[in-house]
Protein backbone atom coordinates (compact mmCIF):
# COMPACT_ATOMS: atom_id res chain seq x y z
CA MET A 1 -31.49 -1.11 -43.96
CA THR A 2 -31.15 -0.58 -40.29
CA THR A 3 -27.95 0.56 -38.60
CA GLN A 4 -27.77 -2.84 -36.70
CA VAL A 5 -27.96 -4.72 -40.00
CA LEU A 6 -25.50 -2.52 -41.69
CA LEU A 7 -23.00 -2.86 -38.82
CA LYS A 8 -23.44 -6.67 -38.92
CA GLN A 9 -22.51 -6.69 -42.47
CA LEU A 10 -19.65 -4.35 -41.94
CA TYR A 11 -18.15 -6.61 -39.07
CA GLU A 12 -18.08 -9.53 -41.60
CA ILE A 13 -15.80 -7.52 -44.01
CA PRO A 14 -12.03 -7.49 -43.44
CA GLU A 15 -11.05 -4.32 -41.56
CA SER A 16 -8.62 -3.40 -44.42
CA ASP A 17 -11.56 -3.09 -46.79
CA ILE A 18 -13.33 -0.91 -44.12
CA ILE A 19 -10.31 1.34 -43.95
CA ALA A 20 -10.34 1.67 -47.70
CA GLU A 21 -13.92 2.58 -47.85
CA ILE A 22 -13.60 5.31 -45.16
CA ASN A 23 -10.82 6.95 -47.24
CA GLN A 24 -12.99 6.68 -50.34
CA LEU A 25 -16.06 8.11 -48.63
CA LYS A 26 -14.04 10.95 -47.07
CA ALA A 27 -12.73 11.91 -50.51
CA GLU A 28 -16.23 11.50 -52.09
CA LEU A 29 -18.02 13.70 -49.45
CA GLY A 30 -15.20 16.28 -49.17
CA ASP A 31 -16.06 19.51 -47.34
CA GLN A 32 -19.46 18.22 -46.56
CA VAL A 33 -18.09 16.29 -43.52
CA LEU A 34 -15.75 17.27 -40.67
CA ILE A 35 -14.55 14.23 -38.52
CA LEU A 36 -13.57 15.20 -34.92
CA GLY A 37 -11.40 12.82 -32.93
CA HIS A 38 -11.01 12.95 -29.20
CA HIS A 39 -7.53 12.17 -27.65
CA TYR A 40 -8.96 9.00 -26.06
CA GLN A 41 -10.16 7.43 -29.36
CA ARG A 42 -8.43 4.29 -30.43
CA GLU A 43 -5.64 4.76 -33.02
CA GLU A 44 -7.39 3.30 -36.07
CA VAL A 45 -10.27 5.86 -35.63
CA PHE A 46 -8.07 8.77 -34.47
CA ALA A 47 -6.13 8.47 -37.72
CA PHE A 48 -9.25 9.63 -39.71
CA ALA A 49 -9.96 12.76 -37.77
CA ASP A 50 -9.72 16.09 -39.57
CA VAL A 51 -9.31 17.79 -36.11
CA THR A 52 -8.16 16.23 -32.87
CA GLY A 53 -8.18 17.53 -29.34
CA ASP A 54 -10.21 17.61 -26.11
CA SER A 55 -13.96 17.94 -25.97
CA LEU A 56 -14.15 21.72 -25.78
CA LYS A 57 -11.61 22.29 -28.54
CA LEU A 58 -13.44 19.88 -30.93
CA ALA A 59 -16.82 21.48 -30.13
CA GLN A 60 -15.39 24.91 -30.92
CA LYS A 61 -13.89 23.70 -34.08
CA ALA A 62 -17.41 22.24 -35.12
CA ALA A 63 -18.77 25.75 -34.58
CA GLU A 64 -16.16 27.34 -36.73
CA THR A 65 -16.58 24.97 -39.72
CA ASP A 66 -18.94 25.33 -42.68
CA ALA A 67 -19.34 21.57 -42.99
CA SER A 68 -22.92 20.55 -42.98
CA ASN A 69 -22.25 17.23 -41.34
CA ILE A 70 -19.95 16.79 -38.18
CA ILE A 71 -19.04 13.24 -37.09
CA PHE A 72 -17.94 13.45 -33.45
CA CYS A 73 -15.75 10.47 -32.48
CA GLY A 74 -16.08 10.77 -28.85
CA VAL A 75 -19.01 10.31 -26.33
CA HIS A 76 -22.40 11.56 -26.04
CA PHE A 77 -21.97 14.65 -23.95
CA MET A 78 -19.33 15.84 -26.39
CA ALA A 79 -21.69 15.53 -29.39
CA GLU A 80 -24.34 17.46 -27.49
CA THR A 81 -21.90 20.27 -26.75
CA ALA A 82 -20.99 20.41 -30.48
CA ASP A 83 -24.79 20.60 -31.28
CA VAL A 84 -25.37 23.41 -28.81
CA LEU A 85 -22.49 25.53 -30.36
CA THR A 86 -23.13 24.78 -34.07
CA SER A 87 -25.92 26.26 -36.27
CA ASP A 88 -29.40 24.68 -36.95
CA ALA A 89 -28.12 23.98 -40.54
CA GLN A 90 -25.39 21.70 -39.31
CA THR A 91 -25.91 18.07 -38.23
CA VAL A 92 -23.89 16.47 -35.45
CA ILE A 93 -23.47 12.57 -35.61
CA LEU A 94 -22.23 10.28 -32.95
CA PRO A 95 -21.06 7.11 -34.61
CA ASP A 96 -22.31 4.86 -31.72
CA LEU A 97 -25.13 6.20 -29.54
CA ALA A 98 -24.06 3.87 -26.78
CA ALA A 99 -20.77 5.83 -26.32
CA GLY A 100 -21.61 7.47 -23.08
CA CYS A 101 -19.74 8.74 -20.02
CA SER A 102 -19.96 7.13 -16.68
CA MET A 103 -19.07 10.53 -14.95
CA ALA A 104 -21.75 12.41 -16.84
CA ASP A 105 -24.18 9.75 -15.80
CA MET A 106 -23.55 10.38 -12.14
CA ALA A 107 -25.47 13.70 -12.14
CA ASP A 108 -28.71 14.23 -14.07
CA ASP A 109 -31.00 17.16 -14.24
CA GLU A 110 -33.61 15.67 -11.84
CA GLN A 111 -30.96 15.10 -9.23
CA VAL A 112 -29.56 18.51 -9.56
CA ILE A 113 -32.99 20.19 -9.42
CA ARG A 114 -33.64 18.17 -6.30
CA VAL A 115 -30.28 19.34 -4.70
CA TRP A 116 -31.19 22.92 -5.41
CA GLN A 117 -34.47 22.46 -3.68
CA GLU A 118 -32.75 20.80 -0.78
CA LEU A 119 -30.32 23.77 -0.49
CA ALA A 120 -33.34 26.08 -0.47
CA THR A 121 -34.41 24.67 2.79
CA VAL A 122 -31.11 26.04 4.28
CA LEU A 123 -30.29 29.11 2.34
CA ASN A 124 -31.26 30.99 -0.89
CA PRO A 125 -29.12 29.31 -3.68
CA ASP A 126 -30.15 31.70 -6.40
CA GLU A 127 -28.56 34.47 -4.32
CA CYS A 128 -25.51 32.77 -2.80
CA VAL A 129 -24.67 29.69 -4.93
CA THR A 130 -23.16 29.60 -8.40
CA PRO A 131 -23.59 26.13 -10.13
CA VAL A 132 -20.45 25.13 -11.97
CA THR A 133 -20.59 22.10 -14.21
CA TYR A 134 -17.60 20.29 -15.65
CA ILE A 135 -17.90 20.05 -19.45
CA ASN A 136 -18.16 16.35 -18.96
CA SER A 137 -21.86 16.56 -18.25
CA THR A 138 -25.11 16.45 -20.10
CA ALA A 139 -26.59 19.39 -22.07
CA ALA A 140 -29.34 19.34 -19.41
CA LEU A 141 -26.91 20.28 -16.64
CA LYS A 142 -25.35 22.90 -18.81
CA ALA A 143 -28.61 24.33 -19.32
CA PHE A 144 -29.45 24.34 -15.54
CA CYS A 145 -26.20 26.32 -15.07
CA GLY A 146 -27.32 28.76 -17.76
CA GLU A 147 -30.64 29.35 -16.27
CA HIS A 148 -29.28 29.74 -12.71
CA GLY A 149 -26.44 32.07 -13.30
CA GLY A 150 -23.86 29.36 -13.54
CA ILE A 151 -21.21 28.35 -15.95
CA VAL A 152 -19.26 25.45 -17.49
CA CYS A 153 -15.65 24.65 -16.88
CA THR A 154 -12.95 22.40 -18.34
CA SER A 155 -10.02 20.73 -16.69
CA GLY A 156 -7.92 23.32 -18.23
CA ASN A 157 -9.68 26.52 -17.03
CA ALA A 158 -11.42 25.21 -13.84
CA GLN A 159 -9.31 27.68 -11.60
CA ARG A 160 -10.31 30.75 -13.77
CA ILE A 161 -13.91 29.64 -13.73
CA MET A 162 -14.09 29.05 -9.93
CA GLU A 163 -12.48 32.51 -9.42
CA TRP A 164 -15.28 34.00 -11.48
CA ALA A 165 -17.90 32.02 -9.76
CA TRP A 166 -16.77 33.07 -6.27
CA GLY A 167 -16.50 36.62 -7.56
CA ASN A 168 -20.35 36.57 -8.17
CA ARG A 169 -21.62 34.59 -5.18
CA GLU A 170 -20.08 33.19 -2.04
CA LYS A 171 -20.54 29.46 -2.71
CA ILE A 172 -20.03 27.13 -5.58
CA LEU A 173 -22.02 23.90 -6.31
CA PHE A 174 -19.54 21.95 -8.50
CA PHE A 175 -20.61 18.78 -10.46
CA PRO A 176 -20.29 16.06 -11.52
CA ASP A 177 -16.61 15.51 -10.66
CA GLN A 178 -15.62 15.74 -7.11
CA HIS A 179 -11.92 15.34 -7.80
CA LEU A 180 -11.47 18.12 -10.33
CA GLY A 181 -13.23 20.53 -8.04
CA GLU A 182 -11.30 19.57 -4.95
CA ASN A 183 -7.84 19.46 -6.64
CA THR A 184 -8.51 22.86 -8.27
CA ALA A 185 -9.69 24.43 -4.98
CA LEU A 186 -6.75 23.02 -2.96
CA ALA A 187 -4.33 24.54 -5.60
CA MET A 188 -5.96 27.80 -5.14
CA GLY A 189 -5.37 27.72 -1.39
CA ILE A 190 -8.97 27.01 -0.40
CA ALA A 191 -8.97 25.22 3.01
CA GLU A 192 -10.30 21.63 3.16
CA SER A 193 -12.61 22.81 6.06
CA GLU A 194 -14.47 24.98 3.52
CA MET A 195 -15.44 22.00 1.39
CA ILE A 196 -18.18 19.54 1.76
CA ILE A 197 -19.15 16.45 -0.39
CA TRP A 198 -22.70 16.17 -1.51
CA ASP A 199 -24.02 12.65 -1.89
CA PRO A 200 -27.22 13.00 -4.02
CA PHE A 201 -28.60 9.78 -2.49
CA LEU A 202 -28.61 11.16 1.01
CA PRO A 203 -30.78 13.86 2.64
CA LEU A 204 -28.99 17.24 2.30
CA GLY A 205 -26.22 15.28 0.70
CA GLY A 206 -25.25 13.74 4.01
CA ASN A 207 -24.54 17.23 5.56
CA THR A 208 -25.99 19.28 8.36
CA PRO A 209 -27.51 22.72 7.76
CA ALA A 210 -24.64 24.22 9.76
CA GLU A 211 -22.05 22.50 7.40
CA ILE A 212 -23.86 23.78 4.30
CA GLU A 213 -23.94 27.35 5.64
CA ALA A 214 -20.27 27.21 6.46
CA ALA A 215 -19.15 25.68 3.15
CA THR A 216 -17.82 27.86 0.23
CA LEU A 217 -17.45 24.79 -2.08
CA ILE A 218 -20.09 21.96 -2.37
CA LEU A 219 -18.52 19.05 -4.18
CA TRP A 220 -20.78 16.50 -6.00
CA LYS A 221 -19.84 12.94 -5.20
CA GLY A 222 -18.85 11.84 -8.83
CA PHE A 223 -15.70 10.69 -10.53
CA CYS A 224 -14.23 9.30 -13.69
CA SER A 225 -14.27 5.52 -13.80
CA VAL A 226 -10.85 5.60 -15.59
CA HIS A 227 -9.00 8.06 -13.48
CA GLN A 228 -10.17 6.70 -10.22
CA LEU A 229 -8.14 3.55 -10.96
CA PHE A 230 -4.89 5.25 -10.39
CA LYS A 231 -3.47 5.14 -6.87
CA ALA A 232 -0.71 6.94 -4.93
CA GLU A 233 1.02 3.74 -4.42
CA HIS A 234 1.56 3.35 -8.23
CA ALA A 235 3.56 6.60 -8.25
CA VAL A 236 5.69 5.31 -5.26
CA THR A 237 6.56 2.12 -7.19
CA MET A 238 7.47 4.11 -10.32
CA ARG A 239 9.83 6.33 -8.53
CA SER A 240 11.42 3.38 -6.72
CA ASN A 241 11.94 1.57 -10.14
CA HIS A 242 12.86 4.59 -12.35
CA ALA A 243 15.30 7.17 -10.97
CA GLY A 244 14.38 10.72 -12.19
CA ILE A 245 10.92 9.88 -13.45
CA GLU A 246 8.33 12.58 -13.55
CA ILE A 247 4.67 11.72 -12.61
CA LEU A 248 2.03 13.55 -14.75
CA ALA A 249 -1.52 13.38 -13.61
CA HIS A 250 -4.94 14.48 -14.91
CA PRO A 251 -6.92 16.48 -12.27
CA GLU A 252 -9.73 13.92 -12.55
CA CYS A 253 -7.49 11.67 -10.49
CA SER A 254 -7.90 11.57 -6.73
CA ARG A 255 -6.30 14.07 -4.56
CA GLU A 256 -3.85 11.37 -3.21
CA VAL A 257 -2.70 10.79 -6.71
CA CYS A 258 -2.38 14.40 -7.64
CA ASP A 259 -0.37 15.10 -4.42
CA THR A 260 2.31 12.61 -5.58
CA ALA A 261 2.61 14.10 -9.03
CA ASP A 262 5.15 16.47 -10.42
CA PHE A 263 2.68 17.99 -12.79
CA VAL A 264 -1.16 18.10 -12.78
CA GLY A 265 -2.89 19.29 -15.84
CA SER A 266 -5.55 18.75 -18.56
CA THR A 267 -5.02 16.36 -21.48
CA GLU A 268 -3.75 19.20 -23.66
CA ARG A 269 -1.44 20.41 -20.95
CA ILE A 270 -0.02 16.94 -20.38
CA ILE A 271 0.62 16.66 -24.19
CA ALA A 272 2.35 19.93 -24.22
CA TYR A 273 4.44 19.08 -21.15
CA VAL A 274 5.68 15.95 -22.81
CA GLU A 275 6.38 17.67 -26.11
CA GLN A 276 8.48 20.38 -24.38
CA ALA A 277 10.62 18.02 -22.33
CA LYS A 278 14.14 17.32 -23.08
CA PRO A 279 15.06 14.05 -24.82
CA GLY A 280 15.68 11.28 -22.37
CA GLN A 281 13.16 12.56 -19.72
CA THR A 282 11.17 9.63 -18.38
CA PHE A 283 7.46 10.00 -17.50
CA ALA A 284 4.74 7.94 -15.87
CA ILE A 285 1.29 9.36 -16.86
CA ALA A 286 -1.98 8.99 -15.03
CA THR A 287 -4.63 9.38 -17.79
CA GLU A 288 -6.37 7.36 -20.40
CA LEU A 289 -4.42 4.55 -21.99
CA ASN A 290 -4.99 5.34 -25.71
CA LEU A 291 -3.53 8.78 -25.07
CA VAL A 292 -0.51 7.57 -23.15
CA ASN A 293 0.28 4.96 -25.85
CA ARG A 294 -0.02 7.64 -28.49
CA LEU A 295 2.54 9.84 -26.57
CA ARG A 296 4.81 6.90 -26.35
CA ILE A 297 4.70 6.39 -30.11
CA LEU A 298 5.16 10.13 -30.81
CA HIS A 299 8.09 10.59 -28.51
CA PRO A 300 10.34 7.54 -28.70
CA ASP A 301 13.18 9.69 -27.28
CA LYS A 302 11.32 9.98 -23.96
CA PRO A 303 10.49 6.75 -22.14
CA ILE A 304 6.81 6.92 -21.19
CA TRP A 305 5.24 4.52 -18.78
CA PHE A 306 1.51 4.04 -17.84
CA LEU A 307 1.22 4.92 -14.14
CA SER A 308 -1.08 2.02 -13.24
CA PRO A 309 -0.48 -1.69 -13.56
CA MET A 310 -4.08 -2.02 -14.59
CA ILE A 311 -5.59 -1.20 -18.01
CA CYS A 312 -7.25 2.24 -17.45
CA MET A 313 -9.06 2.70 -20.72
CA CYS A 314 -12.26 4.55 -21.53
CA SER A 315 -14.37 1.58 -22.64
CA THR A 316 -17.24 3.86 -23.96
CA MET A 317 -14.75 5.79 -26.23
CA PHE A 318 -13.50 2.43 -27.39
CA ARG A 319 -16.93 1.61 -28.75
CA THR A 320 -16.25 3.92 -31.75
CA ASP A 321 -14.55 1.69 -34.15
CA PRO A 322 -13.85 1.88 -37.94
CA GLN A 323 -17.16 -0.02 -38.63
CA HIS A 324 -19.20 2.58 -36.85
CA LEU A 325 -17.41 5.38 -38.56
CA CYS A 326 -17.91 3.84 -41.89
CA ALA A 327 -21.63 3.39 -41.16
CA ALA A 328 -21.85 7.10 -40.28
CA LEU A 329 -20.16 8.16 -43.44
CA ARG A 330 -22.38 5.87 -45.49
CA SER A 331 -25.55 7.39 -43.95
CA ILE A 332 -24.47 10.84 -45.11
CA ARG A 333 -23.68 9.61 -48.52
CA ASP A 334 -26.99 7.85 -48.83
CA GLY A 335 -28.91 10.87 -47.40
CA HIS A 336 -30.38 8.87 -44.49
CA ILE A 337 -28.47 10.17 -41.53
CA THR A 338 -28.51 8.04 -38.56
CA ASN A 339 -27.34 8.60 -34.91
CA ARG A 340 -27.98 12.49 -35.10
CA ILE A 341 -27.53 14.22 -31.84
CA GLU A 342 -30.17 17.02 -31.26
CA VAL A 343 -30.47 19.02 -28.04
CA PRO A 344 -34.01 20.32 -27.49
CA HIS A 345 -34.30 24.05 -28.44
CA GLN A 346 -35.08 25.40 -24.91
CA GLN A 347 -32.39 23.45 -23.36
CA LYS A 348 -29.94 24.31 -26.13
CA ARG A 349 -30.61 28.04 -25.51
CA TRP A 350 -29.68 27.89 -21.73
CA ALA A 351 -26.82 25.47 -22.27
CA LYS A 352 -25.33 27.76 -24.96
CA LEU A 353 -25.43 30.68 -22.37
CA SER A 354 -23.41 28.76 -19.85
CA LEU A 355 -20.83 27.81 -22.43
CA GLU A 356 -20.66 31.46 -23.74
CA ARG A 357 -20.04 32.62 -20.17
CA MET A 358 -17.10 30.37 -19.98
CA LEU A 359 -15.76 31.24 -23.49
CA ASN A 360 -16.16 34.96 -22.90
CA LEU A 361 -13.61 34.55 -20.10
CA GLY A 362 -10.96 33.55 -22.66
């Protein structure tokens, strides 16, 4: 039976029966399976996760487990990272192969190689440029960084990684998220005049040779389709309507939004910030809807608002539903695993190097 046929059958079954079957399969498979759930997953899937967290934490937990099968309820680049960090004896499964990431799709290996070649017409990038890729990128880009003396960063450690990168070479090529790179650099005191934006669809990224030579930070023109929907005027409205409200923003938001925020931090840091706040403190949060709604449920004593009047939800994360999770568990039980994520060996070797450089910094 194909995955498509199985899913069609599962969608015809009441969801309560699907939930019951997932519980039964989890009990039957036991330690053979580890289910990882990203913070942005819908609640009915998140509830089944053995470990929850951001993409890096989940990949690290995958590497620490003895489970032979790892179901990653997240998106494609996350499952790739887990496959890079786990052993060859372990299998990483993505319940829905169509669960991608628009930001990760904004920079591919062919584009980055071409940019490196264009930079070589102005300077010697292998001597003076450190490539830094946000973890929200393909294994191919992580491999590029590994091969060219570069490194991976997360939204939580971006400053430490950029300090390391500038300690090795005078320039950074930061991709694929312009906003994380810009917000981090500004918080570090880097002048705006030292940054340029690289548009991969323009010759030299839309810059002159002189601008490239003068820049210390080259920012890829990329963004998160969810976090770009938050606007600075949303914060102004919240403050006018709710006295004493605190604005919390993810650094994937634009500079204008982060400038209005009381706190800018990664998903994990936003969660911790809310947890540590006093009862009665009111928040408006600029990050993915499922996470904000979960925080609202977990902290009924702290009024929590979604910063945007629009629905800012990761639609590709939402693709993973109980039906897809059930199908993944059935495939393991039946010994015919589907939707396995396998990074090619050579690519895996270089990608692991760039990840290890980051992990070794602590």
